[in-house]
């Protein structure tokens, strides 16, 4: 979620590039931040994280592009993003301390995501209309899981926020989920297709961060984490505030003053 904002800053730097010491310092700082973020993503060992990194890098490269209207000499095109990605991969692969690649498992055990989704599907088929009630997933799940496979590890969530919302809130929850996702996707398409939006680069970075949360919610429950929820709300606010199209904004015309003649009181409009 943070990487697109780094890319947006790179794009801003490329637009204003003057090849000064300050510009080089900013470039080094942004490369360091990008590499740190990428090391965290790669070292986490999450297959979902690796999959989501692909669209993030693609959109980040677009955010880091130099505007066509800019006549200044550019720094290396999205080399910062690509170079930081390669550096992160190399560091994780060859580091004796960081070991995260391949942590996620694709097995079909009772407590794997596939196993939890199968049981959750049975719950949804029985309670799709009214739902099981807010916060009831963990308790209801115990009624459906195989008692012979019960261990000290239990499923506290469905690891799919859309599925869990429909289980707990039924049909009304499904409608809310559909409307919410449709709204965010509409905002995403808008900021990436229109060119005259105010703070375009910032809004595109925010929309990319929101897209990542939507994708991650298919296999986990990221918005239930307070830090992610706060960033999610901030990105949503960035998209909906001050979103007027510049081309549609009309200039405010000042009323012309009336000047009166001192001789015959005739009005002279200047």
Protein backbone atom coordinates (compact mmCIF):
# COMPACT_ATOMS: atom_id res chain seq x y z
CA UNK A 1 0.00 0.00 0.00
CA UNK A 2 2.93 2.36 0.62
CA UNK A 3 4.89 1.54 -2.53
CA UNK A 4 2.57 3.48 -4.91
CA UNK A 5 3.10 6.64 -2.85
CA UNK A 6 6.87 6.18 -3.17
CA UNK A 7 6.42 5.79 -6.93
CA UNK A 8 4.26 8.93 -7.03
CA UNK A 9 7.04 10.81 -5.25
CA UNK A 10 9.51 9.48 -7.81
CA UNK A 11 7.28 10.75 -10.61
CA UNK A 12 7.06 14.16 -8.95
CA UNK A 13 10.84 14.24 -8.58
CA UNK A 14 11.33 13.35 -12.23
CA UNK A 15 8.99 16.15 -13.26
CA UNK A 16 10.89 18.75 -11.22
CA UNK A 17 14.34 17.25 -11.79
CA UNK A 18 17.07 19.93 -11.92
CA UNK A 19 20.07 17.64 -11.30
CA UNK A 20 20.94 19.42 -8.08
CA UNK A 21 22.29 17.95 -4.86
CA UNK A 22 18.81 18.05 -3.35
CA UNK A 23 17.37 16.08 -6.25
CA UNK A 24 20.07 13.40 -5.95
CA UNK A 25 19.48 13.17 -2.20
CA UNK A 26 15.74 12.71 -2.73
CA UNK A 27 16.40 10.02 -5.35
CA UNK A 28 18.66 8.09 -2.95
CA UNK A 29 16.11 8.42 -0.14
CA UNK A 30 13.22 7.21 -2.31
CA UNK A 31 15.28 4.27 -3.59
CA UNK A 32 16.11 3.30 -0.01
CA UNK A 33 12.45 3.49 1.07
CA UNK A 34 11.32 1.46 -1.95
CA UNK A 35 13.95 -1.20 -1.31
CA UNK A 36 13.00 -1.42 2.38
CA UNK A 37 9.33 -1.91 1.51
CA UNK A 38 10.12 -4.53 -1.12
CA UNK A 39 12.38 -6.45 1.25
CA UNK A 40 9.48 -6.63 3.69
CA UNK A 41 7.08 -7.87 1.02
CA UNK A 42 9.47 -10.51 -0.33
CA UNK A 43 10.63 -11.67 3.12
CA UNK A 44 7.06 -12.11 4.39
CA UNK A 45 6.79 -15.33 2.40
CA UNK A 46 3.19 -14.66 1.38
CA UNK A 47 2.17 -16.03 -2.00
CA UNK A 48 -0.70 -13.51 -2.03
CA UNK A 49 1.85 -10.79 -1.37
CA UNK A 50 3.94 -11.91 -4.34
CA UNK A 51 0.86 -12.01 -6.58
CA UNK A 52 -0.30 -8.55 -5.54
CA UNK A 53 3.19 -7.16 -6.00
CA UNK A 54 2.83 -7.62 -9.76
CA UNK A 55 -0.02 -5.11 -10.32
CA UNK A 56 1.53 -2.77 -7.75
CA UNK A 57 4.82 -2.68 -9.64
CA UNK A 58 3.06 -2.14 -12.96
CA UNK A 59 0.99 0.76 -11.62
CA UNK A 60 4.00 2.12 -9.72
CA UNK A 61 6.01 2.24 -12.95
CA UNK A 62 3.18 4.28 -14.50
CA UNK A 63 3.18 6.61 -11.49
CA UNK A 64 6.96 7.04 -11.72
CA UNK A 65 6.92 8.06 -15.37
CA UNK A 66 8.13 11.48 -16.35
CA UNK A 67 5.31 13.73 -17.61
CA UNK A 68 5.45 14.33 -21.36
CA UNK A 69 5.07 18.07 -20.90
CA UNK A 70 8.17 18.30 -18.77
CA UNK A 71 11.26 19.50 -20.56
CA UNK A 72 13.71 18.77 -17.77
CA UNK A 73 16.30 16.04 -17.99
CA UNK A 74 14.86 12.89 -16.41
CA UNK A 75 16.50 10.57 -13.97
CA UNK A 76 16.61 6.91 -14.97
CA UNK A 77 13.03 5.84 -15.97
CA UNK A 78 11.37 3.47 -13.55
CA UNK A 79 14.85 2.14 -12.79
CA UNK A 80 14.41 2.95 -9.10
CA UNK A 81 11.35 0.69 -8.83
CA UNK A 82 12.84 -2.13 -10.92
CA UNK A 83 16.27 -1.89 -9.28
CA UNK A 84 14.81 -1.85 -5.78
CA UNK A 85 12.73 -4.93 -6.61
CA UNK A 86 15.75 -6.88 -7.82
CA UNK A 87 17.78 -5.76 -4.80
CA UNK A 88 15.03 -6.91 -2.45
CA UNK A 89 14.81 -10.34 -4.09
CA UNK A 90 18.57 -10.82 -4.03
CA UNK A 91 18.77 -9.76 -0.37
CA UNK A 92 16.05 -12.17 0.72
CA UNK A 93 17.38 -15.09 -1.35
CA UNK A 94 21.00 -14.83 -0.22
CA UNK A 95 20.62 -13.39 3.26
CA UNK A 96 21.45 -15.87 6.08
CA UNK A 97 18.97 -14.08 8.37
CA UNK A 98 15.95 -13.28 6.19
CA UNK A 99 14.17 -16.45 5.09
CA UNK A 100 10.62 -15.99 3.88
CA UNK A 101 10.28 -17.29 0.35
CA UNK A 102 7.83 -20.13 -0.01
CA UNK A 103 6.36 -19.95 3.49
CA UNK A 104 2.75 -20.11 2.28
CA UNK A 105 1.44 -23.61 1.74
CA UNK A 106 -1.08 -24.80 -0.85
CA UNK A 107 -2.16 -27.93 1.00
CA UNK A 108 -5.82 -28.78 1.49
CA UNK A 109 -5.76 -29.48 5.21
CA UNK A 110 -8.56 -28.57 7.60
CA UNK A 111 -6.88 -25.32 8.68
CA UNK A 112 -5.61 -24.29 5.25
CA UNK A 113 -7.43 -21.56 3.39
CA UNK A 114 -8.95 -24.07 1.00
CA UNK A 115 -10.18 -26.16 3.92
CA UNK A 116 -11.64 -23.13 5.72
CA UNK A 117 -13.36 -21.92 2.55
CA UNK A 118 -15.00 -25.30 2.02
CA UNK A 119 -16.51 -25.28 5.50
CA UNK A 120 -17.41 -21.58 5.16
CA UNK A 121 -19.25 -22.37 1.93
CA UNK A 122 -21.45 -24.85 3.82
CA UNK A 123 -22.22 -22.22 6.46
CA UNK A 124 -23.13 -19.68 3.80
CA UNK A 125 -25.45 -22.13 2.04
CA UNK A 126 -27.40 -22.55 5.29
CA UNK A 127 -27.46 -18.89 6.40
CA UNK A 128 -27.28 -16.86 3.16
CA UNK A 129 -30.53 -14.97 3.80
CA UNK A 130 -30.24 -13.46 7.29
CA UNK A 131 -26.70 -14.44 8.24
CA UNK A 132 -25.37 -15.81 11.52
CA UNK A 133 -24.91 -12.43 13.22
CA UNK A 134 -22.02 -9.97 13.61
CA UNK A 135 -18.88 -11.51 15.09
CA UNK A 136 -20.32 -15.02 15.19
CA UNK A 137 -18.10 -16.69 12.58
CA UNK A 138 -15.65 -18.39 14.97
CA UNK A 139 -18.44 -19.88 17.10
CA UNK A 140 -20.54 -21.02 14.15
CA UNK A 141 -17.52 -22.48 12.36
CA UNK A 142 -16.98 -24.91 15.26
CA UNK A 143 -20.42 -26.38 14.60
CA UNK A 144 -19.49 -27.27 11.04
CA UNK A 145 -15.86 -28.38 11.22
CA UNK A 146 -14.85 -32.02 11.37
CA UNK A 147 -14.61 -32.97 15.08
CA UNK A 148 -11.97 -35.60 14.32
CA UNK A 149 -9.65 -32.92 12.92
CA UNK A 150 -10.01 -30.42 15.78
CA UNK A 151 -6.70 -29.29 17.31
CA UNK A 152 -5.50 -26.37 19.41
CA UNK A 153 -5.51 -24.27 16.23
CA UNK A 154 -8.89 -22.87 15.26
CA UNK A 155 -10.31 -20.64 12.52
CA UNK A 156 -11.02 -17.18 13.92
CA UNK A 157 -11.90 -15.78 10.48
CA UNK A 158 -12.78 -17.10 7.05
CA UNK A 159 -9.61 -15.63 5.51
CA UNK A 160 -11.91 -14.05 2.94
CA UNK A 161 -13.58 -10.90 4.19
CA UNK A 162 -16.23 -10.94 1.48
CA UNK A 163 -17.23 -14.49 2.34
CA UNK A 164 -17.23 -13.79 6.08
CA UNK A 165 -19.36 -10.65 5.65
CA UNK A 166 -21.95 -12.63 3.69
CA UNK A 167 -21.93 -15.38 6.32
CA UNK A 168 -22.46 -13.01 9.24
CA UNK A 169 -24.78 -10.48 7.58
CA UNK A 170 -26.52 -12.62 4.98
CA UNK A 171 -28.07 -11.06 1.89
CA UNK A 172 -27.96 -7.47 3.25
CA UNK A 173 -24.24 -7.90 3.89
CA UNK A 174 -23.70 -9.20 0.38
CA UNK A 175 -25.43 -6.12 -1.06
CA UNK A 176 -23.30 -3.79 1.07
CA UNK A 177 -20.14 -5.59 -0.04
CA UNK A 178 -21.12 -5.34 -3.72
CA UNK A 179 -21.94 -1.63 -3.49
CA UNK A 180 -18.75 -0.83 -1.57
CA UNK A 181 -16.48 -2.70 -3.96
CA UNK A 182 -18.26 -1.18 -6.97
CA UNK A 183 -17.76 2.32 -5.51
CA UNK A 184 -14.03 1.84 -4.97
CA UNK A 185 -13.54 0.30 -8.42
CA UNK A 186 -15.46 3.21 -9.97
CA UNK A 187 -13.17 5.70 -8.22
CA UNK A 188 -10.15 3.66 -9.34
CA UNK A 189 -11.21 3.72 -12.99
CA UNK A 190 -12.01 7.41 -12.79
CA UNK A 191 -8.63 8.59 -11.49
CA UNK A 192 -6.74 6.39 -13.96
CA UNK A 193 -8.74 7.40 -17.04
CA UNK A 194 -9.22 11.14 -16.52
CA UNK A 195 -6.25 13.46 -17.03
CA UNK A 196 -7.51 16.72 -15.51
CA UNK A 197 -8.16 15.53 -11.96
CA UNK A 198 -6.70 17.62 -9.18
CA UNK A 199 -3.73 15.93 -7.42
CA UNK A 200 -3.87 13.20 -10.04
CA UNK A 201 -0.67 11.43 -9.04
CA UNK A 202 -1.60 11.32 -5.34
CA UNK A 203 -5.10 10.04 -6.09
CA UNK A 204 -3.77 7.31 -8.36
CA UNK A 205 -1.40 6.16 -5.63
CA UNK A 206 -4.30 6.09 -3.14
CA UNK A 207 -6.50 4.16 -5.58
CA UNK A 208 -3.74 1.58 -6.06
CA UNK A 209 -3.45 1.11 -2.30
CA UNK A 210 -7.22 0.56 -2.08
CA UNK A 211 -7.08 -1.96 -4.93
CA UNK A 212 -4.48 -3.96 -3.01
CA UNK A 213 -6.76 -4.15 0.02
CA UNK A 214 -9.65 -5.34 -2.16
CA UNK A 215 -7.47 -8.08 -3.64
CA UNK A 216 -5.96 -9.09 -0.31
CA UNK A 217 -9.44 -9.35 1.23
CA UNK A 218 -10.06 -12.33 -1.06
CA UNK A 219 -7.57 -14.43 0.90
CA UNK A 220 -7.35 -12.66 4.27
CA UNK A 221 -8.89 -9.96 6.47
CA UNK A 222 -6.52 -6.95 6.15
CA UNK A 223 -9.00 -4.19 7.05
CA UNK A 224 -9.46 -5.75 10.50
CA UNK A 225 -5.89 -4.66 11.26
CA UNK A 226 -6.08 -1.10 12.73
CA UNK A 227 -3.00 0.21 10.91
CA UNK A 228 -4.27 -0.99 7.53
CA UNK A 229 -7.79 0.24 8.31
CA UNK A 230 -6.46 3.75 9.06
CA UNK A 231 -4.43 3.85 5.84
CA UNK A 232 -7.41 2.46 3.91
CA UNK A 233 -9.68 5.20 5.28
CA UNK A 234 -7.07 7.87 4.48
CA UNK A 235 -6.74 6.66 0.89
CA UNK A 236 -10.50 6.62 0.47
CA UNK A 237 -10.69 10.19 1.80
CA UNK A 238 -8.00 11.27 -0.69
CA UNK A 239 -10.13 9.92 -3.53
CA UNK A 240 -13.43 11.53 -2.55
CA UNK A 241 -12.18 14.91 -1.30
CA UNK A 242 -11.33 17.78 -3.66
CA UNK A 243 -12.11 15.59 -6.64
CA UNK A 244 -13.61 18.27 -8.87
CA UNK A 245 -12.41 18.17 -12.44
CA UNK A 246 -10.28 21.23 -13.22
CA UNK A 247 -11.81 21.50 -16.66
CA UNK A 248 -15.28 21.86 -15.13
CA UNK A 249 -14.36 24.54 -12.63
CA UNK A 250 -15.39 28.02 -13.70
CA UNK A 251 -13.30 31.05 -12.76
CA UNK A 252 -14.87 33.48 -10.33
CA UNK A 253 -15.60 36.76 -12.05
CA UNK A 254 -15.23 39.90 -10.00
CA UNK A 255 -17.99 42.42 -10.26
CA UNK A 256 -16.91 45.51 -12.08
CA UNK A 257 -17.16 48.71 -10.01
CA UNK A 258 -19.52 51.49 -11.05
CA UNK A 259 -17.92 54.92 -11.49
CA UNK A 260 -20.14 57.99 -11.34
CA UNK A 261 -19.51 61.36 -12.96
CA UNK A 262 -19.36 64.29 -10.54
CA UNK A 263 -20.95 66.72 -13.04
CA UNK A 264 -24.19 65.20 -14.32
CA UNK A 265 -24.34 61.97 -12.26
CA UNK A 266 -24.27 59.86 -15.40
CA UNK A 267 -23.07 56.30 -14.74
CA UNK A 268 -19.84 55.36 -16.47
CA UNK A 269 -19.27 51.60 -16.51
CA UNK A 270 -15.59 50.75 -16.85
